[in-house]
Structures are given as structure tokens and as C-alpha cells.
């Protein structure tokens, strides 16, 4: 289940924060899953990108926040 969603500023992909604890990247044109990221934090409730699209952030059910460098 998706708990959060954010379009990357480039428009090339969207990220979802999921109940399984993963961030999934989905291709903006085809809808195919491109990549999954998992930090073992439990359910994730939100996802966001900075304005430049260089970093992503998500928060977990435990109140932890993870920030990562986005590989375009």
C-alpha cells in the first residue's frame, strides 16, 4: 500500500512511500517500477524531493527520517 507519493522535479519518475518499508521509483512514462530502496525502518508515510531533485526524504512509523542522494 502506498502511504505517500511524490513526482521527481524532472518529471521522469515518481516515488512512493510504502507500508512494506520501501521507497519505489516508478517510470513516469511507462508506469514500470524502476528501483526499490529499503533502509529497514518499517512503514514509510511520506516521501519528498528537494527542488533540484538531488535529494529525497522519507519518514517512518518510528519517527525516523531518512535522506538520500537521488541518482537520476
C-alpha atoms as a PDB file:
ATOM      1  CA  UNK A   1       0.000   0.000   0.000  1.00  0.00           C
ATOM      2  CA  UNK A   2       1.195   3.483  -0.851  1.00  0.00           C
ATOM      3  CA  UNK A   3       1.239   5.949   2.032  1.00  0.00           C
ATOM      4  CA  UNK A   4       2.899   8.809   0.183  1.00  0.00           C
ATOM      5  CA  UNK A   5       3.774   9.823  -3.349  1.00  0.00           C
ATOM      6  CA  UNK A   6       5.980  12.497  -4.946  1.00  0.00           C
ATOM      7  CA  UNK A   7       6.906  13.348  -8.516  1.00  0.00           C
ATOM      8  CA  UNK A   8      10.589  13.960  -9.102  1.00  0.00           C
ATOM      9  CA  UNK A   9      11.116  17.553 -10.348  1.00  0.00           C
ATOM     10  CA  UNK A  10      12.391  16.195 -13.677  1.00  0.00           C
ATOM     11  CA  UNK A  11       9.016  14.544 -14.292  1.00  0.00           C
ATOM     12  CA  UNK A  12      10.801  11.344 -15.348  1.00  0.00           C
ATOM     13  CA  UNK A  13       9.706   9.292 -12.344  1.00  0.00           C
ATOM     14  CA  UNK A  14       7.518   9.211  -9.272  1.00  0.00           C
ATOM     15  CA  UNK A  15       8.410   7.812  -5.843  1.00  0.00           C
ATOM     16  CA  UNK A  16       6.060   6.058  -3.455  1.00  0.00           C
ATOM     17  CA  UNK A  17       6.441   5.550   0.303  1.00  0.00           C
ATOM     18  CA  UNK A  18       5.079   2.110   1.113  1.00  0.00           C
ATOM     19  CA  UNK A  19       3.694   0.127   4.004  1.00  0.00           C
ATOM     20  CA  UNK A  20       6.350  -2.526   3.375  1.00  0.00           C
ATOM     21  CA  UNK A  21       9.072  -0.034   4.342  1.00  0.00           C
ATOM     22  CA  UNK A  22      10.344   0.618   0.832  1.00  0.00           C
ATOM     23  CA  UNK A  23      10.569   3.602  -1.443  1.00  0.00           C
ATOM     24  CA  UNK A  24       9.757   2.578  -5.002  1.00  0.00           C
ATOM     25  CA  UNK A  25      10.646   4.594  -8.089  1.00  0.00           C
ATOM     26  CA  UNK A  26       8.144   4.292 -10.962  1.00  0.00           C
ATOM     27  CA  UNK A  27       8.835   5.367 -14.533  1.00  0.00           C
ATOM     28  CA  UNK A  28       6.803   8.472 -15.335  1.00  0.00           C
ATOM     29  CA  UNK A  29       6.160   7.406 -18.914  1.00  0.00           C
ATOM     30  CA  UNK A  30       5.538   3.660 -18.698  1.00  0.00           C
ATOM     31  CA  UNK A  31       4.490   3.204 -15.062  1.00  0.00           C
ATOM     32  CA  UNK A  32       7.013   0.367 -14.632  1.00  0.00           C
ATOM     33  CA  UNK A  33       8.843   0.049 -11.314  1.00  0.00           C
ATOM     34  CA  UNK A  34      12.434   1.171 -11.784  1.00  0.00           C
ATOM     35  CA  UNK A  35      14.016   0.674  -8.374  1.00  0.00           C
ATOM     36  CA  UNK A  36      13.252  -0.094  -4.706  1.00  0.00           C
ATOM     37  CA  UNK A  37      15.080   1.374  -1.719  1.00  0.00           C
ATOM     38  CA  UNK A  38      14.869  -0.214   1.748  1.00  0.00           C
ATOM     39  CA  UNK A  39      16.501   1.049   4.935  1.00  0.00           C
ATOM     40  CA  UNK A  40      14.716  -1.356   7.313  1.00  0.00           C
ATOM     41  CA  UNK A  41      12.792   1.424   9.090  1.00  0.00           C
ATOM     42  CA  UNK A  42       9.323  -0.125   8.938  1.00  0.00           C
ATOM     43  CA  UNK A  43       6.318   1.543   7.338  1.00  0.00           C
ATOM     44  CA  UNK A  44       7.085   4.753   5.485  1.00  0.00           C
ATOM     45  CA  UNK A  45       4.477   7.501   5.490  1.00  0.00           C
ATOM     46  CA  UNK A  46       5.755  10.270   3.253  1.00  0.00           C
ATOM     47  CA  UNK A  47       8.260  10.983   0.517  1.00  0.00           C
ATOM     48  CA  UNK A  48       9.526  14.255  -0.939  1.00  0.00           C
ATOM     49  CA  UNK A  49      12.244  15.608  -3.218  1.00  0.00           C
ATOM     50  CA  UNK A  50      14.139  18.871  -2.912  1.00  0.00           C
ATOM     51  CA  UNK A  51      13.512  21.474  -5.620  1.00  0.00           C
ATOM     52  CA  UNK A  52      16.633  20.486  -7.580  1.00  0.00           C
ATOM     53  CA  UNK A  53      15.776  16.774  -7.389  1.00  0.00           C
ATOM     54  CA  UNK A  54      19.163  15.918  -5.905  1.00  0.00           C
ATOM     55  CA  UNK A  55      17.868  14.552  -2.596  1.00  0.00           C
ATOM     56  CA  UNK A  56      14.880  12.592  -1.391  1.00  0.00           C
ATOM     57  CA  UNK A  57      13.477  12.265   2.126  1.00  0.00           C
ATOM     58  CA  UNK A  58      11.026   9.963   3.844  1.00  0.00           C
ATOM     59  CA  UNK A  59       9.697   9.465   7.374  1.00  0.00           C
ATOM     60  CA  UNK A  60       8.901   6.176   9.094  1.00  0.00           C
ATOM     61  CA  UNK A  61       6.361   4.905  11.590  1.00  0.00           C
ATOM     62  CA  UNK A  62       9.155   5.125  14.221  1.00  0.00           C
ATOM     63  CA  UNK A  63       9.584   8.869  13.633  1.00  0.00           C
ATOM     64  CA  UNK A  64      12.897   8.351  11.850  1.00  0.00           C
ATOM     65  CA  UNK A  65      13.712  10.396   8.774  1.00  0.00           C
ATOM     66  CA  UNK A  66      15.982   9.186   6.006  1.00  0.00           C
ATOM     67  CA  UNK A  67      17.550  11.499   3.441  1.00  0.00           C
ATOM     68  CA  UNK A  68      19.306  10.099   0.380  1.00  0.00           C
ATOM     69  CA  UNK A  69      21.086  11.264  -2.749  1.00  0.00           C
ATOM     70  CA  UNK A  70      18.928  10.681  -5.816  1.00  0.00           C
ATOM     71  CA  UNK A  71      20.590   9.005  -8.768  1.00  0.00           C
ATOM     72  CA  UNK A  72      18.795  10.262 -11.850  1.00  0.00           C
END
